[in-house]
Amino acid sequence: MKKAFLRILLVCIAILGVWSVYNRFSQSSLAPAEILGGVIRTENVGGDRLYYLTSQWEKRVTFSSGRASSTSRTTSWLNVDFWEIDATTAQPVARRRIKRAEVNADAKSLGAEQGVLWARIPELVGIRLVDGVVVVNMEKIAARNPAIAGLLPKPPETVILLPEAMQPLKFSPEEGMIVRLDDARQVRIDPLSSEAILYTAPQQENKSPAEPTTPALRRKLILPADGTDWRAMVRGLEIPQNGGDRKWLGLLTAADLAKMQEIKAISWQMDFTQPQRSRLFRATLSGPSESLGTGESYENPTLLPESPDVLMAGLLAQEASDRRNLPAVWIPGPDSVLVISLDRLGADGRLQLARVSADNGAPIWSKALPLSKLSAWIPGEHHALLMGPAPSEKRSPMTAENENPVLHILSIDLKTGAFQSFNPDLHRDWQTEEVSNKSR
C-alpha cells in the first residue's frame, strides 16, 4: 500500500512540475449586444412581447507559457441572436442563437410579416417570432421556386455594406419582402410558403398609403434613435369628446401663450433647440377639424391650475412617427395624458414621466426614470416600453474604456406608474438557445 501511495504521489508531483513550466489557460470577454435594425412589439392573446436581433462580439484570448517564452492567441466570433422580451416585466423570455461567424457582415432586421421577422445577415432569413426558428432562407426559396433558383442574389463574400438603393433585399410594411433577382426582376416572398410572386413596383402617383392596411400582419420596426427621439413628443391634442365645443389640451411656454393670445394660433411643432419650461393649458378650438394645426383658431387659453412646471417637456405620442400632428396618448378613467420631461439640463439630467389629469393638471402619478434620453417610445394598451441609455446604472465587469452606455428597456404600468427594467449590459452572457433552420 505504501509503495502504491508513493507512486501516486510521485505522479502528482511530476504533473504539477510540468504544469508549473508549461501551462495554458484562456480568458473570454463579450462586447455589448447591439440591436440590428430595430425592435418590434406584438400584443396578442399569446402574450405581449418585444422582439429584436442583436450582434455581439465574443473574444477569447488563450495564453500559453513555457520555460523560455509565453504567447497569446486571440480568437473572435460575431454572434447574431434573436431576443424575446416580456413587455410586461421587461425581462427576457429567451435569447436564441441564429448565427455565429468570424466576420462582421452586413446585418439588419428588415420588418415583420405574418409572424415572421425578415432580416439579412447578410443572407436573407425569415425568423418565426414565436420560437426563433429560421423558417425561410434562400435554400428554401430556391427549392420552392426552381425557375428562379439560379437568379437569387448571393450575399457578398466580403464585408461590403451596400447603400440602401443598391440592396437586393428590401421590406416595406405595405408590400412585404421584395427580392431583386440577378436579371433585375423583382419578386415578393411569401413568409408562410416561401413562394416567389412576380412584383411590379407601383407608379409614384399610385403608391400604397403610408400606413399598412393590415397592421396585424405587417408591422414596421421601431428604430431606436442615437439620442432622444423627439418625434415621440408632441405639443397637444384635441380632447376626445362627444358633441359640444371642441377642446384642445397642450403644453405652452410663456412665449407660446403670448403668441396664442395674440394671433389665436400655435405651431404644432415644439422647439427643443433651446432650454424651455412649459405647463398644461386648455383652449377652445374653432375652424377646420380634419387635421389639427391647419387653420384652427385657439381661443381662451386657460392654465390647468395644478399643472406642474416642466423642463424640455412633451406629451408622449401614440407612436413615434414622421407624420404631422400625431395625436398624443389619451388615457381614460380618469382622463389624462403622459408628460415626459427632464429634471435638469446637461449630462446629469434624467427623464421624468407623469400621468397628468386632463381636468386640473394634477399628476395622477409621477416617476423619476433612470434614462438620460428617450431613444425609443413603444406604447401599449396597459404597459408602455421605453428604451434609452442609463449612465448611472451598473456596468458589466467586461466594459471597455470609453464604451457608450447600452440601451436599457423599461416597462411602465400606465395605471399605476410602477416600472420594471432590464439592463442588457449586466447580462451580456445571458443564456442562449441554439435553434435550427428546421421546417414548420
Protein backbone atom coordinates (compact mmCIF):
# COMPACT_ATOMS: atom_id res chain seq x y z
CA MET A 1 0.00 0.00 0.00
CA LYS A 2 2.83 2.39 0.86
CA LYS A 3 4.55 1.74 -2.49
CA ALA A 4 1.32 2.39 -4.39
CA PHE A 5 0.77 5.60 -2.47
CA LEU A 6 4.33 6.73 -3.21
CA ARG A 7 3.85 6.06 -6.92
CA ILE A 8 0.66 8.14 -7.00
CA LEU A 9 2.34 10.94 -5.07
CA LEU A 10 5.30 10.97 -7.47
CA VAL A 11 2.97 11.14 -10.49
CA CYS A 12 1.07 14.08 -9.00
CA ILE A 13 4.33 15.90 -8.23
CA ALA A 14 5.50 15.30 -11.80
CA ILE A 15 2.24 16.66 -13.23
CA LEU A 16 2.46 19.75 -11.04
CA GLY A 17 6.04 20.25 -12.08
CA VAL A 18 5.18 20.11 -15.79
CA TRP A 19 2.22 22.47 -15.28
CA SER A 20 4.47 24.96 -13.49
CA VAL A 21 6.77 25.03 -16.52
CA TYR A 22 4.23 24.68 -19.34
CA ASN A 23 0.71 25.98 -18.74
CA ARG A 24 -2.18 27.07 -20.88
CA PHE A 25 -5.33 28.99 -19.99
CA SER A 26 -7.84 31.27 -21.69
CA GLN A 27 -9.97 34.32 -20.91
CA SER A 28 -13.24 35.21 -22.63
CA SER A 29 -14.99 38.57 -22.93
CA LEU A 30 -18.18 39.83 -24.57
CA ALA A 31 -18.81 43.21 -26.14
CA PRO A 32 -22.24 44.84 -25.69
CA ALA A 33 -25.02 43.32 -27.79
CA GLU A 34 -26.02 45.85 -30.46
CA ILE A 35 -29.56 45.97 -31.86
CA LEU A 36 -29.71 45.27 -35.60
CA GLY A 37 -32.21 47.42 -37.47
CA GLY A 38 -34.87 47.93 -34.82
CA VAL A 39 -37.36 46.32 -32.47
CA ILE A 40 -40.91 45.13 -32.93
CA ARG A 41 -43.73 44.67 -30.42
CA THR A 42 -46.67 42.31 -30.67
CA GLU A 43 -49.71 42.38 -28.39
CA ASN A 44 -51.98 39.38 -28.77
CA VAL A 45 -53.65 36.58 -26.85
CA GLY A 46 -50.37 34.68 -26.67
CA GLY A 47 -48.65 37.48 -24.78
CA ASP A 48 -47.21 40.97 -25.01
CA ARG A 49 -43.71 40.65 -26.47
CA LEU A 50 -40.81 42.73 -27.77
CA TYR A 51 -38.52 41.11 -30.36
CA TYR A 52 -35.17 42.15 -31.82
CA LEU A 53 -31.92 40.85 -33.29
CA THR A 54 -28.50 41.71 -31.87
CA SER A 55 -24.91 41.23 -32.94
CA GLN A 56 -22.26 40.72 -30.27
CA TRP A 57 -18.52 40.16 -30.49
CA GLU A 58 -17.15 37.33 -28.39
CA LYS A 59 -13.39 37.31 -27.85
CA ARG A 60 -11.25 34.56 -26.38
CA VAL A 61 -7.56 35.07 -25.57
CA THR A 62 -5.56 31.88 -25.00
CA PHE A 63 -2.26 32.18 -23.12
CA SER A 64 0.49 29.58 -23.31
CA SER A 65 3.80 29.67 -21.46
CA GLY A 66 6.92 27.52 -21.43
CA ARG A 67 10.41 27.63 -19.94
CA ALA A 68 11.69 30.37 -22.21
CA SER A 69 8.67 32.26 -23.57
CA SER A 70 4.97 32.88 -23.41
CA THR A 71 2.48 33.50 -26.20
CA SER A 72 -1.14 34.54 -26.59
CA ARG A 73 -3.67 33.88 -29.34
CA THR A 74 -6.91 35.84 -29.83
CA THR A 75 -9.98 34.33 -31.50
CA SER A 76 -13.14 36.36 -32.18
CA TRP A 77 -16.65 35.43 -33.24
CA LEU A 78 -19.69 37.52 -34.06
CA ASN A 79 -22.89 36.11 -32.60
CA VAL A 80 -26.27 37.05 -34.06
CA ASP A 81 -29.04 36.41 -31.53
CA PHE A 82 -32.81 36.73 -31.50
CA TRP A 83 -34.27 38.14 -28.28
CA GLU A 84 -37.80 37.74 -26.95
CA ILE A 85 -38.70 40.15 -24.13
CA ASP A 86 -41.81 40.07 -21.95
CA ALA A 87 -43.23 43.58 -22.45
CA THR A 88 -45.00 43.48 -19.08
CA THR A 89 -41.90 42.75 -16.98
CA ALA A 90 -39.16 43.93 -19.39
CA GLN A 91 -37.36 40.62 -18.72
CA PRO A 92 -36.00 38.25 -21.40
CA VAL A 93 -38.10 35.21 -22.19
CA ALA A 94 -35.47 33.71 -24.50
CA ARG A 95 -32.28 34.51 -26.36
CA ARG A 96 -31.77 32.30 -29.39
CA ARG A 97 -28.55 31.92 -31.38
CA ILE A 98 -29.24 32.45 -35.10
CA LYS A 99 -25.70 32.63 -36.46
CA ARG A 100 -22.05 32.52 -35.41
CA ALA A 101 -19.47 33.95 -37.80
CA GLU A 102 -15.86 35.17 -37.82
CA VAL A 103 -16.55 38.39 -39.76
CA ASN A 104 -18.83 41.36 -39.22
CA ALA A 105 -21.02 41.12 -42.32
CA ASP A 106 -23.88 43.44 -43.26
CA ALA A 107 -26.73 42.54 -40.91
CA LYS A 108 -30.08 44.22 -40.29
CA SER A 109 -33.63 43.41 -39.25
CA LEU A 110 -35.99 44.49 -42.03
CA GLY A 111 -39.57 44.08 -40.81
CA ALA A 112 -42.19 41.58 -39.70
CA GLU A 113 -44.95 39.98 -41.70
CA GLN A 114 -47.48 37.33 -40.65
CA GLY A 115 -45.47 36.33 -37.59
CA VAL A 116 -42.11 36.22 -39.40
CA LEU A 117 -39.24 38.67 -38.87
CA TRP A 118 -37.29 39.28 -42.07
CA ALA A 119 -33.57 40.01 -41.77
CA ARG A 120 -30.39 39.98 -43.83
CA ILE A 121 -27.38 38.56 -42.00
CA PRO A 122 -26.24 39.16 -44.85
CA GLU A 123 -28.17 36.27 -46.47
CA LEU A 124 -31.95 36.57 -46.30
CA VAL A 125 -33.66 34.78 -43.42
CA GLY A 126 -37.21 34.73 -42.11
CA ILE A 127 -37.32 34.09 -38.36
CA ARG A 128 -40.56 32.87 -36.80
CA LEU A 129 -41.36 35.15 -33.87
CA VAL A 130 -42.92 32.57 -31.57
CA ASP A 131 -39.87 30.28 -31.37
CA GLY A 132 -36.96 31.92 -33.20
CA VAL A 133 -36.77 29.23 -35.85
CA VAL A 134 -35.43 30.25 -39.27
CA VAL A 135 -38.35 29.15 -41.45
CA VAL A 136 -37.33 30.93 -44.67
CA ASN A 137 -33.91 31.18 -46.30
CA MET A 138 -32.52 31.24 -49.82
CA GLU A 139 -32.23 27.44 -49.96
CA LYS A 140 -35.93 27.03 -49.21
CA ILE A 141 -36.88 29.80 -51.64
CA ALA A 142 -34.80 28.12 -54.36
CA ALA A 143 -36.38 24.72 -53.66
CA ARG A 144 -39.88 26.20 -53.74
CA ASN A 145 -39.21 28.23 -56.92
CA PRO A 146 -36.79 26.26 -59.14
CA ALA A 147 -37.40 28.55 -62.15
CA ILE A 148 -35.58 31.43 -60.42
CA ALA A 149 -33.18 29.41 -58.25
CA GLY A 150 -30.15 30.43 -60.31
CA LEU A 151 -31.09 34.13 -60.19
CA LEU A 152 -31.41 34.60 -56.46
CA PRO A 153 -28.89 37.19 -55.23
CA LYS A 154 -25.93 35.92 -53.24
CA PRO A 155 -24.64 37.74 -50.16
CA PRO A 156 -21.29 39.50 -50.60
CA GLU A 157 -18.28 37.28 -49.90
CA THR A 158 -16.51 40.04 -48.01
CA VAL A 159 -17.64 42.73 -45.60
CA ILE A 160 -19.41 45.06 -48.04
CA LEU A 161 -22.04 47.49 -46.80
CA LEU A 162 -24.25 48.36 -49.74
CA PRO A 163 -26.24 51.61 -49.80
CA GLU A 164 -29.97 51.00 -49.42
CA ALA A 165 -30.61 51.91 -53.07
CA MET A 166 -28.39 49.01 -54.14
CA GLN A 167 -29.74 46.43 -51.70
CA PRO A 168 -31.39 43.46 -53.46
CA LEU A 169 -33.33 42.65 -50.26
CA LYS A 170 -35.96 45.19 -49.22
CA PHE A 171 -39.01 45.16 -46.98
CA SER A 172 -41.87 47.60 -46.64
CA PRO A 173 -44.94 47.28 -44.36
CA GLU A 174 -47.19 47.88 -47.37
CA GLU A 175 -45.61 45.48 -49.85
CA GLY A 176 -43.79 42.85 -47.81
CA MET A 177 -40.42 41.24 -48.58
CA ILE A 178 -39.15 42.13 -52.06
CA VAL A 179 -36.10 40.43 -53.60
CA ARG A 180 -34.41 41.79 -56.73
CA LEU A 181 -33.21 38.91 -58.88
CA ASP A 182 -29.93 38.98 -60.79
CA ASP A 183 -31.86 39.65 -64.01
CA ALA A 184 -33.35 42.84 -62.40
CA ARG A 185 -36.84 41.39 -61.98
CA GLN A 186 -38.41 41.68 -58.55
CA VAL A 187 -40.34 39.05 -56.63
CA ARG A 188 -42.26 39.17 -53.38
CA ILE A 189 -41.56 36.29 -51.00
CA ASP A 190 -44.47 34.81 -49.10
CA PRO A 191 -43.32 34.25 -45.49
CA LEU A 192 -45.57 31.22 -44.97
CA SER A 193 -44.93 29.27 -48.16
CA SER A 194 -41.58 30.71 -49.45
CA GLU A 195 -43.32 31.20 -52.81
CA ALA A 196 -41.86 33.94 -55.03
CA ILE A 197 -44.52 36.09 -56.72
CA LEU A 198 -43.57 38.45 -59.55
CA TYR A 199 -43.73 42.02 -58.27
CA THR A 200 -44.04 45.34 -60.09
CA ALA A 201 -43.42 48.50 -58.14
CA PRO A 202 -46.44 50.87 -58.24
CA GLN A 203 -46.16 54.15 -60.06
CA GLN A 204 -45.46 57.18 -57.91
CA GLU A 205 -49.00 58.50 -58.14
CA ASN A 206 -50.47 55.06 -57.41
CA LYS A 207 -48.33 54.15 -54.42
CA SER A 208 -49.96 52.47 -51.44
CA PRO A 209 -50.89 54.60 -48.44
CA ALA A 210 -48.13 55.31 -45.95
CA GLU A 211 -49.70 53.15 -43.26
CA PRO A 212 -50.20 49.38 -43.79
CA THR A 213 -53.79 48.34 -44.29
CA THR A 214 -53.29 45.17 -42.23
CA PRO A 215 -51.16 46.19 -39.22
CA ALA A 216 -51.66 42.82 -37.53
CA LEU A 217 -49.98 41.09 -40.48
CA ARG A 218 -47.27 43.59 -41.45
CA ARG A 219 -45.51 45.70 -38.88
CA LYS A 220 -42.85 48.36 -39.07
CA LEU A 221 -39.73 48.11 -36.98
CA ILE A 222 -39.07 50.81 -34.43
CA LEU A 223 -35.51 52.03 -34.81
CA PRO A 224 -34.08 53.40 -31.54
CA ALA A 225 -32.57 56.86 -32.01
CA ASP A 226 -28.93 57.59 -31.23
CA GLY A 227 -30.10 60.32 -28.85
CA THR A 228 -33.65 61.37 -27.97
CA ASP A 229 -36.39 60.52 -30.45
CA TRP A 230 -38.13 63.90 -30.46
CA ARG A 231 -40.79 62.50 -32.82
CA ALA A 232 -42.28 60.68 -29.83
CA MET A 233 -43.10 64.02 -28.15
CA VAL A 234 -45.96 66.25 -29.31
CA ARG A 235 -47.37 69.57 -28.10
CA GLY A 236 -51.01 68.69 -27.58
CA LEU A 237 -54.18 67.05 -28.82
CA GLU A 238 -57.84 67.66 -29.41
CA ILE A 239 -59.63 66.25 -26.38
CA PRO A 240 -61.84 63.28 -27.34
CA GLN A 241 -65.47 64.05 -26.57
CA ASN A 242 -68.97 63.51 -27.86
CA GLY A 243 -70.52 66.76 -29.08
CA GLY A 244 -70.13 70.20 -27.60
CA ASP A 245 -67.33 72.68 -28.18
CA ARG A 246 -64.03 71.32 -29.44
CA LYS A 247 -61.33 71.49 -26.77
CA TRP A 248 -57.54 71.44 -27.06
CA LEU A 249 -55.08 70.38 -24.38
CA GLY A 250 -51.36 71.00 -24.66
CA LEU A 251 -48.07 72.40 -23.38
CA LEU A 252 -47.25 76.08 -23.71
CA THR A 253 -44.24 78.12 -22.69
CA ALA A 254 -44.74 81.74 -21.66
CA ALA A 255 -43.81 82.79 -25.19
CA ASP A 256 -46.22 80.24 -26.70
CA LEU A 257 -49.04 81.53 -24.50
CA ALA A 258 -48.42 85.13 -25.56
CA LYS A 259 -48.44 84.08 -29.21
CA MET A 260 -51.69 82.13 -28.84
CA GLN A 261 -53.36 85.04 -27.09
CA GLU A 262 -52.22 87.44 -29.82
CA ILE A 263 -52.86 85.53 -33.03
CA LYS A 264 -55.04 82.60 -31.79
CA ALA A 265 -52.65 80.09 -33.37
CA ILE A 266 -49.73 77.91 -32.37
CA SER A 267 -47.26 75.73 -34.25
CA TRP A 268 -47.89 72.01 -33.94
CA GLN A 269 -44.12 71.63 -33.69
CA MET A 270 -42.30 72.18 -30.41
CA ASP A 271 -38.96 73.90 -30.18
CA PHE A 272 -36.45 71.62 -28.48
CA THR A 273 -33.43 73.53 -29.77
CA GLN A 274 -33.28 75.72 -26.68
CA PRO A 275 -33.97 75.22 -22.95
CA GLN A 276 -37.59 75.91 -22.06
CA ARG A 277 -40.19 75.27 -19.39
CA SER A 278 -43.89 74.75 -20.04
CA ARG A 279 -47.23 74.00 -18.37
CA LEU A 280 -50.50 72.45 -19.49
CA PHE A 281 -53.25 74.66 -20.91
CA ARG A 282 -56.72 74.09 -22.30
CA ALA A 283 -58.18 76.11 -25.18
CA THR A 284 -61.32 76.18 -27.32
CA LEU A 285 -60.90 75.16 -30.96
CA SER A 286 -62.77 76.50 -33.94
CA GLY A 287 -62.23 76.15 -37.66
CA PRO A 288 -61.25 73.09 -39.76
CA SER A 289 -61.18 69.81 -37.86
CA GLU A 290 -59.68 67.43 -40.44
CA SER A 291 -56.10 67.90 -39.28
CA LEU A 292 -55.11 69.75 -36.13
CA GLY A 293 -52.69 72.56 -36.95
CA THR A 294 -54.05 73.52 -40.38
CA GLY A 295 -56.17 76.59 -39.82
CA GLU A 296 -57.79 76.18 -36.40
CA SER A 297 -58.31 79.10 -34.09
CA TYR A 298 -57.15 78.56 -30.49
CA GLU A 299 -59.21 80.73 -28.17
CA ASN A 300 -59.29 81.43 -24.45
CA PRO A 301 -56.18 79.51 -23.38
CA THR A 302 -56.55 78.64 -19.69
CA LEU A 303 -53.91 77.19 -17.40
CA LEU A 304 -54.74 73.89 -15.73
CA PRO A 305 -54.32 75.11 -12.14
CA GLU A 306 -52.37 72.13 -10.76
CA SER A 307 -50.20 71.59 -13.84
CA PRO A 308 -46.53 71.04 -13.00
CA ASP A 309 -43.94 73.42 -14.45
CA VAL A 310 -41.80 71.05 -16.53
CA LEU A 311 -38.44 71.30 -18.33
CA MET A 312 -37.98 70.29 -22.00
CA ALA A 313 -41.35 68.53 -21.85
CA GLY A 314 -43.68 66.95 -24.38
CA LEU A 315 -46.80 64.82 -24.44
CA LEU A 316 -45.96 61.26 -25.43
CA ALA A 317 -47.50 60.37 -28.77
CA GLN A 318 -49.48 57.34 -29.84
CA GLU A 319 -46.34 56.28 -31.72
CA ALA A 320 -43.03 57.74 -32.85
CA SER A 321 -43.59 58.79 -36.46
CA ASP A 322 -42.71 61.39 -39.07
CA ARG A 323 -46.42 62.08 -39.62
CA ARG A 324 -47.51 65.64 -38.91
CA ASN A 325 -49.66 66.29 -35.88
CA LEU A 326 -49.59 62.78 -34.48
CA PRO A 327 -52.09 62.56 -31.57
CA ALA A 328 -50.87 62.25 -28.01
CA VAL A 329 -51.69 59.21 -25.91
CA TRP A 330 -55.07 59.71 -24.20
CA ILE A 331 -55.82 57.54 -21.16
CA PRO A 332 -59.43 57.45 -19.88
CA GLY A 333 -60.53 56.69 -16.33
CA PRO A 334 -59.52 59.29 -15.28
CA ASP A 335 -58.90 61.27 -18.47
CA SER A 336 -55.21 62.03 -18.63
CA VAL A 337 -52.09 62.42 -20.77
CA LEU A 338 -48.46 61.33 -20.38
CA VAL A 339 -45.95 64.15 -19.86
CA ILE A 340 -42.25 63.38 -20.24
CA SER A 341 -39.63 65.88 -19.18
CA LEU A 342 -36.12 66.34 -17.77
CA ASP A 343 -35.22 67.04 -14.15
CA ARG A 344 -32.23 69.14 -15.21
CA LEU A 345 -30.12 70.07 -18.23
CA GLY A 346 -26.77 68.54 -19.05
CA ALA A 347 -25.24 65.09 -18.70
CA ASP A 348 -26.71 64.58 -15.22
CA GLY A 349 -30.29 65.10 -16.44
CA ARG A 350 -32.71 62.20 -16.13
CA LEU A 351 -36.18 61.67 -17.59
CA GLN A 352 -39.33 62.23 -15.53
CA LEU A 353 -42.62 60.66 -16.58
CA ALA A 354 -46.02 61.64 -15.21
CA ARG A 355 -49.60 60.72 -15.95
CA VAL A 356 -51.37 64.07 -15.64
CA SER A 357 -55.08 64.77 -15.18
CA ALA A 358 -56.72 66.45 -18.17
CA ASP A 359 -59.15 68.08 -15.74
CA ASN A 360 -56.88 70.12 -13.47
CA GLY A 361 -53.32 69.19 -14.46
CA ALA A 362 -52.52 67.35 -11.22
CA PRO A 363 -50.19 64.36 -11.57
CA ILE A 364 -52.00 61.06 -11.03
CA TRP A 365 -48.57 59.52 -10.65
CA SER A 366 -45.05 60.76 -11.32
CA LYS A 367 -41.88 58.70 -11.72
CA ALA A 368 -38.18 59.53 -11.90
CA LEU A 369 -36.66 57.26 -14.56
CA PRO A 370 -33.03 56.12 -14.81
CA LEU A 371 -32.87 57.04 -18.50
CA SER A 372 -30.99 60.12 -19.69
CA LYS A 373 -32.58 60.07 -23.16
CA LEU A 374 -35.72 58.65 -24.75
CA SER A 375 -34.26 56.57 -27.58
CA ALA A 376 -37.49 54.67 -28.27
CA TRP A 377 -41.13 55.01 -27.17
CA ILE A 378 -43.33 51.94 -27.71
CA PRO A 379 -46.79 52.43 -26.18
CA GLY A 380 -49.19 49.60 -25.46
CA GLU A 381 -52.68 49.15 -24.06
CA HIS A 382 -51.64 48.53 -20.45
CA HIS A 383 -47.84 48.80 -20.40
CA ALA A 384 -45.60 51.18 -22.30
CA LEU A 385 -41.99 50.42 -23.21
CA LEU A 386 -39.20 52.98 -23.15
CA MET A 387 -35.62 52.46 -24.28
CA GLY A 388 -32.62 54.64 -23.62
CA PRO A 389 -29.20 54.91 -22.00
CA ALA A 390 -28.98 54.81 -18.20
CA PRO A 391 -25.49 56.18 -17.44
CA SER A 392 -25.78 55.82 -13.64
CA GLU A 393 -26.76 52.15 -13.66
CA LYS A 394 -24.25 49.35 -13.04
CA ARG A 395 -21.94 48.35 -15.88
CA SER A 396 -20.58 44.95 -16.80
CA PRO A 397 -17.12 43.97 -15.49
CA MET A 398 -16.28 43.40 -19.18
CA THR A 399 -16.88 47.06 -20.02
CA ALA A 400 -14.03 48.51 -22.07
CA GLU A 401 -12.75 52.03 -21.73
CA ASN A 402 -14.88 54.70 -23.44
CA GLU A 403 -17.73 52.27 -24.15
CA ASN A 404 -21.06 54.03 -24.64
CA PRO A 405 -23.92 53.16 -22.27
CA VAL A 406 -26.19 50.48 -23.69
CA LEU A 407 -29.93 50.89 -24.20
CA HIS A 408 -31.97 49.78 -21.20
CA ILE A 409 -35.56 48.57 -21.54
CA LEU A 410 -38.25 49.87 -19.17
CA SER A 411 -41.83 48.62 -18.92
CA ILE A 412 -44.18 51.01 -17.14
CA ASP A 413 -47.68 50.22 -15.91
CA LEU A 414 -49.85 53.03 -17.31
CA LYS A 415 -52.38 52.68 -14.48
CA THR A 416 -50.01 52.86 -11.52
CA GLY A 417 -46.71 54.15 -12.90
CA ALA A 418 -44.80 51.16 -11.46
CA PHE A 419 -41.97 50.15 -13.74
CA GLN A 420 -39.52 47.29 -14.22
CA SER A 421 -36.30 47.39 -16.22
CA PHE A 422 -33.76 45.20 -17.98
CA ASN A 423 -30.08 46.13 -18.06
CA PRO A 424 -28.54 44.28 -21.04
CA ASP A 425 -25.06 45.46 -20.08
CA LEU A 426 -25.07 43.40 -16.88
CA HIS A 427 -26.36 40.40 -18.83
CA ARG A 428 -24.02 40.22 -21.81
CA ASP A 429 -23.73 36.49 -21.12
CA TRP A 430 -27.49 35.86 -20.91
CA GLN A 431 -28.06 32.19 -21.69
CA THR A 432 -28.61 31.39 -25.36
CA GLU A 433 -30.57 28.61 -27.01
CA GLU A 434 -29.40 27.08 -30.26
CA VAL A 435 -32.09 26.96 -32.97
CA SER A 436 -32.05 25.20 -36.30
CA ASN A 437 -33.31 26.03 -39.77
CA LYS A 438 -36.00 23.40 -39.41
CA SER A 439 -39.19 23.40 -41.41
CA ARG A 440 -42.56 24.15 -39.96
